[in-house]
N, C-alpha and C. Protein backbone atom coordinates (compact mmCIF):
# COMPACT_ATOMS: atom_id res chain seq x y z
N UNK A 1 -42.53 14.79 -81.16
CA UNK A 1 -41.13 14.74 -80.73
C UNK A 1 -40.32 15.90 -81.31
N UNK A 2 -40.53 16.19 -82.60
CA UNK A 2 -39.82 17.29 -83.24
C UNK A 2 -40.17 18.64 -82.63
N UNK A 3 -41.45 18.80 -82.26
CA UNK A 3 -41.89 20.05 -81.63
C UNK A 3 -41.23 20.24 -80.28
N UNK A 4 -41.11 19.15 -79.50
CA UNK A 4 -40.45 19.21 -78.19
C UNK A 4 -38.98 19.58 -78.35
N UNK A 5 -38.32 18.96 -79.32
CA UNK A 5 -36.91 19.26 -79.58
C UNK A 5 -36.74 20.73 -79.98
N UNK A 6 -37.66 21.22 -80.82
CA UNK A 6 -37.62 22.61 -81.27
C UNK A 6 -37.80 23.58 -80.11
N UNK A 7 -38.74 23.26 -79.20
CA UNK A 7 -38.97 24.12 -78.03
C UNK A 7 -37.72 24.20 -77.14
N UNK A 8 -37.09 23.06 -76.91
CA UNK A 8 -35.87 23.01 -76.10
C UNK A 8 -34.75 23.76 -76.81
N UNK A 9 -34.66 23.58 -78.13
CA UNK A 9 -33.65 24.25 -78.95
C UNK A 9 -33.75 25.77 -78.80
N UNK A 10 -34.95 26.30 -78.97
CA UNK A 10 -35.16 27.76 -78.89
C UNK A 10 -34.82 28.27 -77.50
N UNK A 11 -35.28 27.58 -76.48
CA UNK A 11 -35.02 27.98 -75.09
C UNK A 11 -33.52 28.05 -74.82
N UNK A 12 -32.80 27.00 -75.17
CA UNK A 12 -31.37 26.95 -74.86
C UNK A 12 -30.53 27.83 -75.76
N UNK A 13 -31.01 28.10 -76.95
CA UNK A 13 -30.27 29.02 -77.82
C UNK A 13 -30.18 30.39 -77.18
N UNK A 14 -31.28 30.85 -76.57
CA UNK A 14 -31.27 32.14 -75.88
C UNK A 14 -30.49 32.06 -74.57
N UNK A 15 -30.60 30.92 -73.86
CA UNK A 15 -29.88 30.76 -72.59
C UNK A 15 -28.37 30.80 -72.79
N UNK A 16 -27.90 30.38 -73.96
CA UNK A 16 -26.47 30.40 -74.26
C UNK A 16 -25.97 31.81 -74.59
N UNK A 17 -26.88 32.79 -74.56
CA UNK A 17 -26.57 34.20 -74.84
C UNK A 17 -25.67 34.35 -76.07
N UNK A 18 -26.18 33.93 -77.25
CA UNK A 18 -25.35 33.86 -78.46
C UNK A 18 -24.66 35.15 -78.88
N UNK A 19 -25.36 36.28 -78.78
CA UNK A 19 -24.76 37.52 -79.26
C UNK A 19 -23.73 38.08 -78.28
N UNK A 20 -23.91 37.76 -77.00
CA UNK A 20 -22.90 38.12 -76.01
C UNK A 20 -21.63 37.30 -76.25
N UNK A 21 -21.81 36.00 -76.51
CA UNK A 21 -20.67 35.12 -76.82
C UNK A 21 -19.98 35.60 -78.09
N UNK A 22 -20.77 35.98 -79.08
CA UNK A 22 -20.22 36.48 -80.34
C UNK A 22 -19.40 37.75 -80.13
N UNK A 23 -19.93 38.67 -79.32
CA UNK A 23 -19.21 39.91 -79.01
C UNK A 23 -17.88 39.62 -78.33
N UNK A 24 -17.92 38.71 -77.36
CA UNK A 24 -16.71 38.33 -76.63
C UNK A 24 -15.69 37.70 -77.58
N UNK A 25 -16.16 36.77 -78.39
CA UNK A 25 -15.27 36.06 -79.32
C UNK A 25 -14.59 37.03 -80.29
N UNK A 26 -15.36 37.95 -80.86
CA UNK A 26 -14.80 38.92 -81.80
C UNK A 26 -13.75 39.80 -81.14
N UNK A 27 -13.99 40.17 -79.89
CA UNK A 27 -13.06 41.03 -79.18
C UNK A 27 -11.76 40.31 -78.84
N UNK A 28 -11.90 39.10 -78.31
CA UNK A 28 -10.74 38.40 -77.77
C UNK A 28 -9.88 37.72 -78.84
N UNK A 29 -10.45 37.49 -80.03
CA UNK A 29 -9.69 36.79 -81.07
C UNK A 29 -9.29 37.72 -82.23
N UNK A 30 -9.35 39.01 -82.00
CA UNK A 30 -9.08 39.96 -83.09
C UNK A 30 -7.67 39.83 -83.66
N UNK A 31 -6.72 39.33 -82.87
CA UNK A 31 -5.34 39.19 -83.34
C UNK A 31 -4.97 37.73 -83.65
N UNK A 32 -5.95 36.85 -83.67
CA UNK A 32 -5.69 35.44 -83.94
C UNK A 32 -5.64 35.17 -85.44
N UNK A 33 -4.95 34.09 -85.82
CA UNK A 33 -4.93 33.67 -87.22
C UNK A 33 -6.21 32.90 -87.53
N UNK A 34 -6.49 32.69 -88.81
CA UNK A 34 -7.70 31.96 -89.23
C UNK A 34 -7.66 30.52 -88.69
N UNK A 35 -6.47 29.90 -88.72
CA UNK A 35 -6.33 28.52 -88.23
C UNK A 35 -6.63 28.46 -86.73
N UNK A 36 -6.12 29.43 -85.96
CA UNK A 36 -6.39 29.47 -84.51
C UNK A 36 -7.88 29.64 -84.26
N UNK A 37 -8.51 30.51 -85.03
CA UNK A 37 -9.94 30.76 -84.86
C UNK A 37 -10.76 29.50 -85.13
N UNK A 38 -10.40 28.76 -86.17
CA UNK A 38 -11.13 27.53 -86.49
C UNK A 38 -10.96 26.48 -85.40
N UNK A 39 -9.75 26.39 -84.83
CA UNK A 39 -9.50 25.45 -83.73
C UNK A 39 -10.36 25.82 -82.52
N UNK A 40 -10.45 27.11 -82.25
CA UNK A 40 -11.25 27.59 -81.12
C UNK A 40 -12.72 27.24 -81.31
N UNK A 41 -13.24 27.47 -82.52
CA UNK A 41 -14.65 27.16 -82.80
C UNK A 41 -14.94 25.68 -82.59
N UNK A 42 -14.05 24.82 -83.08
CA UNK A 42 -14.24 23.37 -82.93
C UNK A 42 -14.20 22.95 -81.47
N UNK A 43 -13.17 23.40 -80.74
CA UNK A 43 -13.04 23.07 -79.31
C UNK A 43 -14.22 23.61 -78.52
N UNK A 44 -14.62 24.83 -78.85
CA UNK A 44 -15.72 25.49 -78.16
C UNK A 44 -17.02 24.70 -78.30
N UNK A 45 -17.35 24.31 -79.53
CA UNK A 45 -18.59 23.58 -79.79
C UNK A 45 -18.60 22.21 -79.12
N UNK A 46 -17.51 21.47 -79.28
CA UNK A 46 -17.41 20.13 -78.69
C UNK A 46 -17.44 20.18 -77.17
N UNK A 47 -16.73 21.13 -76.58
CA UNK A 47 -16.68 21.23 -75.11
C UNK A 47 -18.04 21.58 -74.53
N UNK A 48 -18.81 22.44 -75.21
CA UNK A 48 -20.16 22.76 -74.74
C UNK A 48 -21.04 21.52 -74.69
N UNK A 49 -20.99 20.72 -75.76
CA UNK A 49 -21.83 19.52 -75.84
C UNK A 49 -21.42 18.50 -74.77
N UNK A 50 -20.12 18.35 -74.56
CA UNK A 50 -19.63 17.40 -73.54
C UNK A 50 -20.06 17.86 -72.14
N UNK A 51 -19.93 19.16 -71.85
CA UNK A 51 -20.34 19.70 -70.55
C UNK A 51 -21.84 19.48 -70.33
N UNK A 52 -22.64 19.76 -71.37
CA UNK A 52 -24.09 19.56 -71.27
C UNK A 52 -24.43 18.10 -71.01
N UNK A 53 -23.74 17.19 -71.68
CA UNK A 53 -23.97 15.75 -71.50
C UNK A 53 -23.66 15.32 -70.07
N UNK A 54 -22.56 15.80 -69.53
CA UNK A 54 -22.17 15.47 -68.14
C UNK A 54 -23.22 15.98 -67.16
N UNK A 55 -23.69 17.22 -67.39
CA UNK A 55 -24.70 17.80 -66.49
C UNK A 55 -26.03 17.05 -66.58
N UNK A 56 -26.40 16.64 -67.79
CA UNK A 56 -27.66 15.90 -67.96
C UNK A 56 -27.60 14.53 -67.27
N UNK A 57 -26.48 13.86 -67.43
CA UNK A 57 -26.34 12.52 -66.84
C UNK A 57 -26.23 12.60 -65.31
N UNK A 58 -25.49 13.60 -64.84
CA UNK A 58 -25.24 13.68 -63.39
C UNK A 58 -26.20 14.56 -62.62
N UNK A 59 -27.18 15.14 -63.31
CA UNK A 59 -28.10 16.08 -62.66
C UNK A 59 -28.83 15.53 -61.45
N UNK A 60 -29.49 14.41 -61.61
CA UNK A 60 -30.27 13.81 -60.51
C UNK A 60 -29.37 13.41 -59.34
N UNK A 61 -28.16 12.94 -59.66
CA UNK A 61 -27.21 12.56 -58.60
C UNK A 61 -26.79 13.76 -57.78
N UNK A 62 -26.64 14.91 -58.45
CA UNK A 62 -26.27 16.15 -57.75
C UNK A 62 -27.39 16.56 -56.80
N UNK A 63 -28.65 16.48 -57.28
CA UNK A 63 -29.79 16.80 -56.41
C UNK A 63 -29.83 15.89 -55.19
N UNK A 64 -29.63 14.61 -55.40
CA UNK A 64 -29.67 13.63 -54.31
C UNK A 64 -28.53 13.85 -53.32
N UNK A 65 -27.34 14.12 -53.86
CA UNK A 65 -26.15 14.29 -53.03
C UNK A 65 -26.29 15.45 -52.06
N UNK A 66 -26.82 16.56 -52.55
CA UNK A 66 -26.94 17.75 -51.71
C UNK A 66 -28.32 17.92 -51.09
N UNK A 67 -29.23 17.01 -51.37
CA UNK A 67 -30.57 17.08 -50.80
C UNK A 67 -31.35 18.31 -51.24
N UNK A 68 -31.15 18.69 -52.51
CA UNK A 68 -31.81 19.89 -53.06
C UNK A 68 -33.13 19.48 -53.72
N UNK A 69 -34.19 20.24 -53.41
CA UNK A 69 -35.47 19.97 -54.07
C UNK A 69 -35.50 20.68 -55.42
N UNK A 70 -36.26 20.13 -56.34
CA UNK A 70 -36.33 20.70 -57.68
C UNK A 70 -36.93 22.10 -57.65
N UNK A 71 -37.94 22.32 -56.81
CA UNK A 71 -38.58 23.64 -56.73
C UNK A 71 -37.61 24.71 -56.27
N UNK A 72 -36.82 24.41 -55.24
CA UNK A 72 -35.86 25.40 -54.73
C UNK A 72 -34.78 25.67 -55.77
N UNK A 73 -34.41 24.62 -56.52
CA UNK A 73 -33.38 24.80 -57.55
C UNK A 73 -33.91 25.66 -58.70
N UNK A 74 -35.19 25.48 -59.05
CA UNK A 74 -35.79 26.30 -60.09
C UNK A 74 -35.79 27.77 -59.69
N UNK A 75 -36.14 28.04 -58.44
CA UNK A 75 -36.17 29.42 -57.95
C UNK A 75 -34.76 30.02 -57.97
N UNK A 76 -33.78 29.25 -57.49
CA UNK A 76 -32.40 29.72 -57.48
C UNK A 76 -31.86 29.94 -58.88
N UNK A 77 -32.14 29.01 -59.77
CA UNK A 77 -31.69 29.12 -61.16
C UNK A 77 -32.33 30.32 -61.84
N UNK A 78 -33.62 30.51 -61.59
CA UNK A 78 -34.33 31.66 -62.17
C UNK A 78 -33.73 32.98 -61.71
N UNK A 79 -33.35 33.04 -60.43
CA UNK A 79 -32.75 34.26 -59.88
C UNK A 79 -31.40 34.54 -60.54
N UNK A 80 -30.60 33.49 -60.73
CA UNK A 80 -29.28 33.64 -61.37
C UNK A 80 -29.45 34.08 -62.83
N UNK A 81 -30.41 33.47 -63.53
CA UNK A 81 -30.68 33.85 -64.91
C UNK A 81 -31.10 35.32 -65.00
N UNK A 82 -31.90 35.74 -64.03
CA UNK A 82 -32.37 37.12 -64.01
C UNK A 82 -31.20 38.08 -63.83
N UNK A 83 -30.28 37.75 -62.91
CA UNK A 83 -29.10 38.58 -62.68
C UNK A 83 -28.18 38.58 -63.91
N UNK A 84 -28.06 37.42 -64.56
CA UNK A 84 -27.26 37.32 -65.78
C UNK A 84 -27.85 38.20 -66.88
N UNK A 85 -29.17 38.22 -66.95
CA UNK A 85 -29.86 39.03 -67.95
C UNK A 85 -29.61 40.52 -67.71
N UNK A 86 -29.62 40.93 -66.45
CA UNK A 86 -29.34 42.34 -66.12
C UNK A 86 -27.93 42.71 -66.57
N UNK A 87 -26.98 41.79 -66.34
CA UNK A 87 -25.59 42.00 -66.77
C UNK A 87 -25.50 42.16 -68.29
N UNK A 88 -26.26 41.34 -69.02
CA UNK A 88 -26.28 41.41 -70.48
C UNK A 88 -26.86 42.74 -70.96
N UNK A 89 -27.97 43.14 -70.34
CA UNK A 89 -28.66 44.37 -70.76
C UNK A 89 -27.80 45.61 -70.46
N UNK A 90 -27.11 45.58 -69.31
CA UNK A 90 -26.25 46.70 -68.93
C UNK A 90 -24.96 46.73 -69.73
N UNK A 91 -24.57 45.58 -70.33
CA UNK A 91 -23.35 45.52 -71.13
C UNK A 91 -22.13 45.35 -70.27
N UNK A 92 -22.13 44.34 -69.40
CA UNK A 92 -20.99 44.05 -68.53
C UNK A 92 -19.83 43.53 -69.36
N UNK A 93 -18.68 44.20 -69.30
CA UNK A 93 -17.53 43.84 -70.11
C UNK A 93 -16.38 43.23 -69.31
N UNK A 94 -16.69 42.62 -68.18
CA UNK A 94 -15.65 42.07 -67.31
C UNK A 94 -14.78 41.02 -68.00
N UNK A 95 -15.35 40.27 -68.95
CA UNK A 95 -14.62 39.18 -69.58
C UNK A 95 -13.81 39.62 -70.81
N UNK A 96 -13.97 40.87 -71.22
CA UNK A 96 -13.30 41.30 -72.44
C UNK A 96 -11.83 41.62 -72.19
N UNK A 97 -11.02 40.59 -72.17
CA UNK A 97 -9.58 40.75 -71.97
C UNK A 97 -8.84 40.04 -73.10
N UNK A 98 -7.91 40.75 -73.69
CA UNK A 98 -7.16 40.20 -74.83
C UNK A 98 -6.25 39.06 -74.38
N UNK A 99 -6.10 38.08 -75.22
CA UNK A 99 -5.20 36.96 -74.96
C UNK A 99 -4.79 36.35 -76.29
N UNK A 100 -3.65 35.69 -76.31
CA UNK A 100 -3.20 34.99 -77.53
C UNK A 100 -3.20 33.49 -77.30
N UNK A 101 -3.87 33.05 -76.24
CA UNK A 101 -3.92 31.63 -75.89
C UNK A 101 -5.21 31.03 -76.43
N UNK A 102 -5.08 30.02 -77.34
CA UNK A 102 -6.29 29.45 -77.93
C UNK A 102 -7.01 28.47 -77.01
N UNK A 103 -6.52 28.31 -75.77
CA UNK A 103 -7.22 27.47 -74.79
C UNK A 103 -8.48 28.15 -74.26
N UNK A 104 -8.71 29.38 -74.67
CA UNK A 104 -9.93 30.10 -74.25
C UNK A 104 -11.18 29.41 -74.75
N UNK A 105 -11.05 28.47 -75.68
CA UNK A 105 -12.22 27.78 -76.24
C UNK A 105 -13.05 27.11 -75.15
N UNK A 106 -12.37 26.51 -74.16
CA UNK A 106 -13.08 25.81 -73.07
C UNK A 106 -13.36 26.77 -71.93
N UNK A 107 -12.31 27.39 -71.42
CA UNK A 107 -12.44 28.38 -70.33
C UNK A 107 -11.75 29.66 -70.80
N UNK A 108 -12.45 30.77 -70.87
CA UNK A 108 -13.81 31.00 -70.37
C UNK A 108 -14.91 30.94 -71.42
N UNK A 109 -14.60 30.66 -72.70
CA UNK A 109 -15.62 30.78 -73.75
C UNK A 109 -16.79 29.82 -73.56
N UNK A 110 -16.48 28.50 -73.38
CA UNK A 110 -17.56 27.52 -73.15
C UNK A 110 -18.19 27.72 -71.78
N UNK A 111 -17.33 27.80 -70.79
CA UNK A 111 -17.77 27.95 -69.41
C UNK A 111 -16.80 28.90 -68.71
N UNK A 112 -17.26 30.03 -68.17
CA UNK A 112 -18.65 30.33 -67.80
C UNK A 112 -19.39 31.29 -68.74
N UNK A 113 -18.83 31.64 -69.91
CA UNK A 113 -19.50 32.64 -70.73
C UNK A 113 -20.74 32.07 -71.43
N UNK A 114 -20.58 30.98 -72.20
CA UNK A 114 -21.76 30.38 -72.86
C UNK A 114 -22.59 29.58 -71.86
N UNK A 115 -21.93 28.66 -71.15
CA UNK A 115 -22.63 27.87 -70.13
C UNK A 115 -22.30 28.47 -68.77
N UNK A 116 -23.03 29.51 -68.42
CA UNK A 116 -22.85 30.17 -67.14
C UNK A 116 -23.67 29.49 -66.05
N UNK A 117 -23.71 30.08 -64.86
CA UNK A 117 -24.48 29.48 -63.76
C UNK A 117 -25.95 29.26 -64.10
N UNK A 118 -26.54 30.23 -64.81
CA UNK A 118 -27.95 30.11 -65.16
C UNK A 118 -28.21 28.97 -66.13
N UNK A 119 -27.37 28.86 -67.17
CA UNK A 119 -27.53 27.78 -68.14
C UNK A 119 -27.27 26.43 -67.49
N UNK A 120 -26.25 26.38 -66.62
CA UNK A 120 -25.95 25.14 -65.88
C UNK A 120 -27.16 24.71 -65.07
N UNK A 121 -27.74 25.67 -64.37
CA UNK A 121 -28.93 25.37 -63.57
C UNK A 121 -30.09 24.89 -64.41
N UNK A 122 -30.28 25.53 -65.57
CA UNK A 122 -31.37 25.13 -66.46
C UNK A 122 -31.17 23.70 -66.99
N UNK A 123 -29.93 23.34 -67.29
CA UNK A 123 -29.66 21.98 -67.76
C UNK A 123 -29.93 20.98 -66.64
N UNK A 124 -29.55 21.33 -65.41
CA UNK A 124 -29.81 20.44 -64.27
C UNK A 124 -31.31 20.27 -64.03
N UNK A 125 -32.05 21.37 -64.21
CA UNK A 125 -33.51 21.29 -64.08
C UNK A 125 -34.07 20.38 -65.17
N UNK A 126 -33.56 20.52 -66.39
CA UNK A 126 -34.01 19.67 -67.50
C UNK A 126 -33.70 18.20 -67.23
N UNK A 127 -32.56 17.94 -66.55
CA UNK A 127 -32.17 16.55 -66.25
C UNK A 127 -33.19 15.87 -65.34
N UNK A 128 -33.87 16.68 -64.53
CA UNK A 128 -34.88 16.11 -63.62
C UNK A 128 -36.13 15.65 -64.38
N UNK A 129 -36.27 16.12 -65.63
CA UNK A 129 -37.43 15.73 -66.45
C UNK A 129 -37.16 14.48 -67.29
N UNK A 130 -35.96 13.93 -67.15
CA UNK A 130 -35.61 12.72 -67.91
C UNK A 130 -36.24 11.50 -67.24
N UNK A 131 -37.15 10.85 -67.96
CA UNK A 131 -37.85 9.68 -67.42
C UNK A 131 -37.44 8.39 -68.11
N UNK A 132 -37.00 8.51 -69.37
CA UNK A 132 -36.61 7.34 -70.15
C UNK A 132 -35.62 7.76 -71.23
N UNK A 133 -35.22 6.82 -72.05
CA UNK A 133 -34.24 7.09 -73.11
C UNK A 133 -34.76 8.12 -74.11
N UNK A 134 -36.05 8.05 -74.42
CA UNK A 134 -36.63 8.99 -75.38
C UNK A 134 -36.58 10.43 -74.87
N UNK A 135 -36.97 10.62 -73.61
CA UNK A 135 -36.95 11.97 -73.04
C UNK A 135 -35.52 12.51 -72.96
N UNK A 136 -34.56 11.62 -72.65
CA UNK A 136 -33.14 12.02 -72.62
C UNK A 136 -32.70 12.49 -74.01
N UNK A 137 -33.07 11.72 -75.06
CA UNK A 137 -32.68 12.07 -76.42
C UNK A 137 -33.30 13.39 -76.86
N UNK A 138 -34.56 13.61 -76.50
CA UNK A 138 -35.25 14.85 -76.87
C UNK A 138 -34.53 16.06 -76.26
N UNK A 139 -34.23 15.98 -74.96
CA UNK A 139 -33.56 17.08 -74.27
C UNK A 139 -32.13 17.28 -74.80
N UNK A 140 -31.41 16.17 -74.94
CA UNK A 140 -30.01 16.25 -75.38
C UNK A 140 -29.91 16.78 -76.82
N UNK A 141 -30.79 16.32 -77.70
CA UNK A 141 -30.76 16.79 -79.09
C UNK A 141 -31.11 18.27 -79.18
N UNK A 142 -32.12 18.70 -78.40
CA UNK A 142 -32.51 20.12 -78.39
C UNK A 142 -31.36 21.01 -77.96
N UNK A 143 -30.69 20.61 -76.86
CA UNK A 143 -29.55 21.38 -76.35
C UNK A 143 -28.38 21.33 -77.33
N UNK A 144 -28.10 20.15 -77.87
CA UNK A 144 -26.97 19.98 -78.80
C UNK A 144 -27.16 20.82 -80.06
N UNK A 145 -28.38 20.83 -80.61
CA UNK A 145 -28.64 21.63 -81.81
C UNK A 145 -28.45 23.12 -81.53
N UNK A 146 -28.86 23.56 -80.33
CA UNK A 146 -28.66 24.96 -79.94
C UNK A 146 -27.17 25.29 -79.89
N UNK A 147 -26.39 24.36 -79.33
CA UNK A 147 -24.94 24.57 -79.22
C UNK A 147 -24.25 24.51 -80.57
N UNK A 148 -24.72 23.63 -81.44
CA UNK A 148 -24.17 23.56 -82.80
C UNK A 148 -24.47 24.83 -83.58
N UNK A 149 -25.67 25.38 -83.38
CA UNK A 149 -26.04 26.65 -84.03
C UNK A 149 -25.14 27.77 -83.54
N UNK A 150 -24.89 27.79 -82.23
CA UNK A 150 -24.00 28.81 -81.66
C UNK A 150 -22.59 28.64 -82.23
N UNK A 151 -22.13 27.39 -82.34
CA UNK A 151 -20.82 27.12 -82.94
C UNK A 151 -20.75 27.63 -84.37
N UNK A 152 -21.85 27.43 -85.12
CA UNK A 152 -21.93 27.93 -86.50
C UNK A 152 -21.88 29.44 -86.55
N UNK A 153 -22.54 30.09 -85.60
CA UNK A 153 -22.51 31.56 -85.51
C UNK A 153 -21.09 32.06 -85.28
N UNK A 154 -20.39 31.40 -84.36
CA UNK A 154 -19.01 31.81 -84.05
C UNK A 154 -18.11 31.59 -85.27
N UNK A 155 -18.35 30.51 -86.00
CA UNK A 155 -17.57 30.23 -87.21
C UNK A 155 -17.76 31.36 -88.24
N UNK A 156 -18.99 31.90 -88.29
CA UNK A 156 -19.32 32.98 -89.23
C UNK A 156 -19.21 34.36 -88.59
N UNK A 157 -18.44 34.46 -87.51
CA UNK A 157 -18.35 35.70 -86.74
C UNK A 157 -17.96 36.91 -87.58
N UNK A 158 -16.96 36.73 -88.44
CA UNK A 158 -16.51 37.84 -89.28
C UNK A 158 -17.61 38.35 -90.20
N UNK A 159 -18.34 37.42 -90.81
CA UNK A 159 -19.45 37.78 -91.69
C UNK A 159 -20.56 38.49 -90.92
N UNK A 160 -20.89 37.95 -89.73
CA UNK A 160 -21.95 38.53 -88.91
C UNK A 160 -21.59 39.93 -88.41
N UNK A 161 -20.30 40.14 -88.14
CA UNK A 161 -19.85 41.46 -87.70
C UNK A 161 -20.04 42.48 -88.82
N UNK A 162 -19.74 42.07 -90.06
CA UNK A 162 -19.95 42.97 -91.20
C UNK A 162 -21.44 43.20 -91.46
N UNK A 163 -22.24 42.15 -91.25
CA UNK A 163 -23.68 42.23 -91.50
C UNK A 163 -24.39 43.14 -90.51
N UNK A 164 -24.13 42.94 -89.21
CA UNK A 164 -24.83 43.69 -88.17
C UNK A 164 -24.04 44.89 -87.65
N UNK A 165 -22.71 44.83 -87.75
CA UNK A 165 -21.88 45.86 -87.14
C UNK A 165 -21.76 45.62 -85.65
N UNK A 166 -20.74 46.22 -85.01
CA UNK A 166 -20.54 46.01 -83.57
C UNK A 166 -21.72 46.51 -82.75
N UNK A 167 -22.27 47.66 -83.16
CA UNK A 167 -23.42 48.20 -82.44
C UNK A 167 -24.64 47.29 -82.58
N UNK A 168 -24.82 46.75 -83.77
CA UNK A 168 -25.95 45.84 -84.00
C UNK A 168 -25.86 44.60 -83.15
N UNK A 169 -24.65 44.04 -83.03
CA UNK A 169 -24.45 42.85 -82.20
C UNK A 169 -24.71 43.16 -80.73
N UNK A 170 -24.29 44.35 -80.29
CA UNK A 170 -24.54 44.75 -78.89
C UNK A 170 -26.04 44.89 -78.63
N UNK A 171 -26.77 45.44 -79.61
CA UNK A 171 -28.23 45.58 -79.46
C UNK A 171 -28.89 44.21 -79.37
N UNK A 172 -28.46 43.30 -80.26
CA UNK A 172 -29.00 41.93 -80.25
C UNK A 172 -28.66 41.22 -78.94
N UNK A 173 -27.49 41.52 -78.37
CA UNK A 173 -27.10 40.95 -77.09
C UNK A 173 -28.05 41.40 -75.98
N UNK A 174 -28.46 42.66 -76.03
CA UNK A 174 -29.38 43.19 -75.03
C UNK A 174 -30.77 42.58 -75.19
N UNK A 175 -31.19 42.35 -76.45
CA UNK A 175 -32.48 41.69 -76.70
C UNK A 175 -32.44 40.27 -76.15
N UNK A 176 -31.29 39.59 -76.35
CA UNK A 176 -31.10 38.25 -75.77
C UNK A 176 -31.25 38.31 -74.26
N UNK A 177 -30.70 39.37 -73.65
CA UNK A 177 -30.81 39.56 -72.20
C UNK A 177 -32.25 39.63 -71.74
N UNK A 178 -33.10 40.30 -72.52
CA UNK A 178 -34.53 40.38 -72.19
C UNK A 178 -35.19 39.01 -72.24
N UNK A 179 -34.81 38.20 -73.24
CA UNK A 179 -35.36 36.85 -73.36
C UNK A 179 -34.91 35.98 -72.19
N UNK A 180 -33.64 36.11 -71.80
CA UNK A 180 -33.12 35.35 -70.66
C UNK A 180 -33.83 35.76 -69.37
N UNK A 181 -34.10 37.07 -69.22
CA UNK A 181 -34.82 37.56 -68.05
C UNK A 181 -36.22 36.94 -67.98
N UNK A 182 -36.88 36.82 -69.13
CA UNK A 182 -38.23 36.22 -69.18
C UNK A 182 -38.18 34.74 -68.78
N UNK A 183 -37.16 34.02 -69.27
CA UNK A 183 -37.00 32.60 -68.92
C UNK A 183 -36.73 32.46 -67.43
N UNK A 184 -35.89 33.35 -66.88
CA UNK A 184 -35.59 33.34 -65.44
C UNK A 184 -36.83 33.59 -64.61
N UNK A 185 -37.61 34.59 -65.00
CA UNK A 185 -38.85 34.91 -64.28
C UNK A 185 -39.83 33.74 -64.32
N UNK A 186 -39.91 33.08 -65.47
CA UNK A 186 -40.79 31.92 -65.62
C UNK A 186 -40.38 30.79 -64.68
N UNK A 187 -39.07 30.53 -64.59
CA UNK A 187 -38.57 29.48 -63.69
C UNK A 187 -38.90 29.79 -62.23
N UNK A 188 -38.74 31.06 -61.85
CA UNK A 188 -39.04 31.47 -60.48
C UNK A 188 -40.52 31.25 -60.18
N UNK A 189 -41.38 31.70 -61.09
CA UNK A 189 -42.83 31.57 -60.89
C UNK A 189 -43.28 30.11 -60.81
N UNK A 190 -42.72 29.27 -61.70
CA UNK A 190 -43.05 27.84 -61.69
C UNK A 190 -42.59 27.19 -60.39
N UNK A 191 -41.38 27.56 -59.94
CA UNK A 191 -40.84 27.01 -58.69
C UNK A 191 -41.68 27.39 -57.49
N UNK A 192 -42.07 28.66 -57.41
CA UNK A 192 -42.89 29.15 -56.28
C UNK A 192 -44.27 28.51 -56.32
N UNK A 193 -44.86 28.43 -57.52
CA UNK A 193 -46.20 27.84 -57.67
C UNK A 193 -46.19 26.38 -57.21
N UNK A 194 -45.17 25.64 -57.62
CA UNK A 194 -45.07 24.23 -57.25
C UNK A 194 -44.77 24.08 -55.75
N UNK A 195 -43.93 24.93 -55.20
CA UNK A 195 -43.54 24.86 -53.80
C UNK A 195 -44.74 25.06 -52.87
N UNK A 196 -45.61 26.04 -53.23
CA UNK A 196 -46.77 26.35 -52.39
C UNK A 196 -48.03 25.61 -52.86
N UNK A 197 -47.86 24.69 -53.84
CA UNK A 197 -49.00 23.92 -54.37
C UNK A 197 -50.15 24.81 -54.82
N UNK A 198 -49.81 25.88 -55.53
CA UNK A 198 -50.82 26.82 -56.01
C UNK A 198 -51.48 26.26 -57.28
């Protein structure tokens, strides 16, 4: 059980694109007070876990409602993850806009920056693997621990910026992009293999 939780934890930690989120957070909160920053970290972490819980519980209902097969969703999710990874590697800065509003913790920090279309799709795919209470707990705990780790990273953002430097964080963000690309490619291959019964 612990090994399964660890595998899910590692997968989702990369899917949450931690160093990209860290870069965004450092840029957008540069003029915030320490109290504002702590509020953002708390809201950010809690909102991610709540969003993940909603997606896990409602995943199968969404598939049924729209008549989507799991294989086609895996292929679509993999494609989105791959495109997200390209954006990370290229260093897309579309979201880097200054603001003094601490409501950024939920939108856009939690969603769509941390939980983007690719991560959302991956959570929905994971929801299809829920067979009983134990499997639900394994998946939910793995995802939650990944999100708590990301929350901890954001809390230590100032220290991490001094440790790695802005260039170091950008390099780590690009490495994260490569890992996300690999996860996306894997989802596409698994979806195609299952679709054609290979």
